[in-house]
Structures are given as C-alpha cells and as structure tokens.
Protein backbone atom coordinates (compact mmCIF):
# COMPACT_ATOMS: atom_id res chain seq x y z
CA MET A 1 46.89 -70.85 -171.23
CA LYS A 2 46.18 -67.19 -170.55
CA LYS A 3 47.35 -65.60 -167.30
CA ALA A 4 46.32 -62.37 -165.65
CA ALA A 5 47.55 -61.05 -162.36
CA GLY A 6 45.99 -58.51 -160.08
CA ARG A 7 45.15 -57.46 -156.59
CA VAL A 8 42.25 -58.51 -154.44
CA PHE A 9 41.22 -55.98 -151.80
CA GLY A 10 39.68 -56.85 -148.46
CA ASN A 11 39.90 -55.19 -145.07
CA GLY A 12 41.91 -52.38 -146.65
CA LYS A 13 44.68 -54.71 -147.87
CA ALA A 14 45.59 -55.82 -151.38
CA TYR A 15 47.00 -59.19 -152.43
CA SER A 16 48.47 -60.18 -155.78
CA VAL A 17 46.43 -62.85 -157.55
CA VAL A 18 47.22 -64.84 -160.70
CA VAL A 19 44.23 -65.96 -162.78
CA GLU A 20 44.74 -68.58 -165.48
CA TYR A 21 42.37 -69.67 -168.26
CA ASP A 22 42.85 -72.93 -170.15
CA PRO A 23 40.07 -73.98 -172.56
CA ARG A 24 41.73 -77.41 -172.90
CA GLU A 25 41.32 -78.18 -169.20
CA PRO A 26 38.99 -81.21 -168.79
CA GLY A 27 35.78 -80.64 -166.90
CA PRO A 28 33.75 -77.47 -166.42
CA ASN A 29 36.33 -75.45 -164.46
CA LYS A 30 38.47 -73.70 -167.06
CA TYR A 31 39.74 -70.92 -164.75
CA ALA A 32 42.24 -71.25 -161.91
CA ALA A 33 43.61 -68.67 -159.49
CA PHE A 34 46.34 -68.59 -156.87
CA VAL A 35 48.06 -66.09 -154.59
CA PRO A 36 51.85 -66.21 -155.06
CA ASP A 37 52.52 -64.95 -151.53
CA MET A 38 50.21 -67.48 -149.88
CA PRO A 39 51.44 -71.05 -150.44
CA GLY A 40 48.52 -73.38 -151.10
CA CYS A 41 46.00 -70.56 -151.51
CA GLN A 42 44.38 -71.55 -154.80
CA THR A 43 41.02 -72.32 -156.37
CA ASP A 44 39.22 -72.84 -159.66
CA GLY A 45 35.93 -71.91 -161.28
CA ARG A 46 33.74 -72.05 -164.37
CA SER A 47 34.08 -68.34 -165.16
CA ARG A 48 36.43 -65.46 -164.44
CA LYS A 49 33.89 -63.95 -162.04
CA GLU A 50 33.44 -67.25 -160.22
CA VAL A 51 37.18 -67.84 -159.83
CA ILE A 52 37.67 -64.29 -158.49
CA ASP A 53 34.85 -64.78 -155.98
CA ASN A 54 36.38 -68.14 -155.01
CA ILE A 55 39.88 -66.70 -154.52
CA LYS A 56 38.46 -64.00 -152.25
CA ASP A 57 36.99 -66.75 -150.06
CA ALA A 58 40.27 -68.69 -150.20
CA ILE A 59 42.21 -65.59 -149.10
CA LYS A 60 39.85 -65.06 -146.16
CA LEU A 61 40.31 -68.70 -145.08
CA TYR A 62 44.07 -68.50 -145.51
CA LEU A 63 44.30 -65.33 -143.44
CA SER A 64 42.20 -66.83 -140.67
CA ALA A 65 44.84 -69.59 -140.37
CA GLU A 66 48.00 -67.63 -141.32
CA PRO A 67 48.02 -64.07 -139.92
CA VAL A 68 51.26 -62.85 -141.54
CA VAL A 69 51.57 -62.50 -145.32
CA ARG A 70 54.80 -61.18 -146.82
CA ASN A 71 54.85 -59.69 -150.30
CA ARG A 72 57.72 -61.28 -152.21
CA ARG A 73 56.69 -61.14 -155.85
CA ARG A 74 55.39 -58.58 -158.29
CA ALA A 75 52.87 -59.22 -161.07
CA GLU A 76 50.65 -57.39 -163.51
CA ARG A 77 47.69 -56.17 -161.50
CA LEU A 78 43.92 -55.89 -161.75
CA THR A 79 41.58 -54.63 -159.07
CA VAL A 80 38.61 -56.45 -157.51
CA ARG A 81 36.70 -55.35 -154.42
CA VAL A 82 35.66 -57.67 -151.60
C-alpha cells in the first residue's frame, strides 16, 4: 500500500490529508483518503484525482458540522486547490 500525505486548501486554510493506494483492494475503488485531524473524515475513489476531489467534499461536510479543527499531526505534504 502506497501512502502520500498533503494539504488540501479551501477558504484560505490548509488541512493535512493522507492518500493511500492499494491495487489489491477488491472492487473498483483502489484509492482511499483521510484527514488525520478530523476523526471520521474519509473517502475512497477509483483514481487519485477522484479521491482528492472526494476528500475536498468530505472536508467541507465535516467543517459544516464541526467548526473547530486542531492540528495535532504532521505528515509529508502535497498541495491541491479547492
């Protein structure tokens, strides 16, 4: 399983995201992503682009329900724009 971590930007804020790829995963969704600082904020997708788009939507939904996010962990980072 490959992992990459990065930041997703939206509304001027950045959030650390971990993206995983596992070709052995059954079904079409081989990519998964989660936000370490947002418990339960996770998604999957068929491609890297799709999983990044999906995690952006998941972050927006999470923030609409949970207004305070505290950064507790550090990870290797990549940059995507929302």
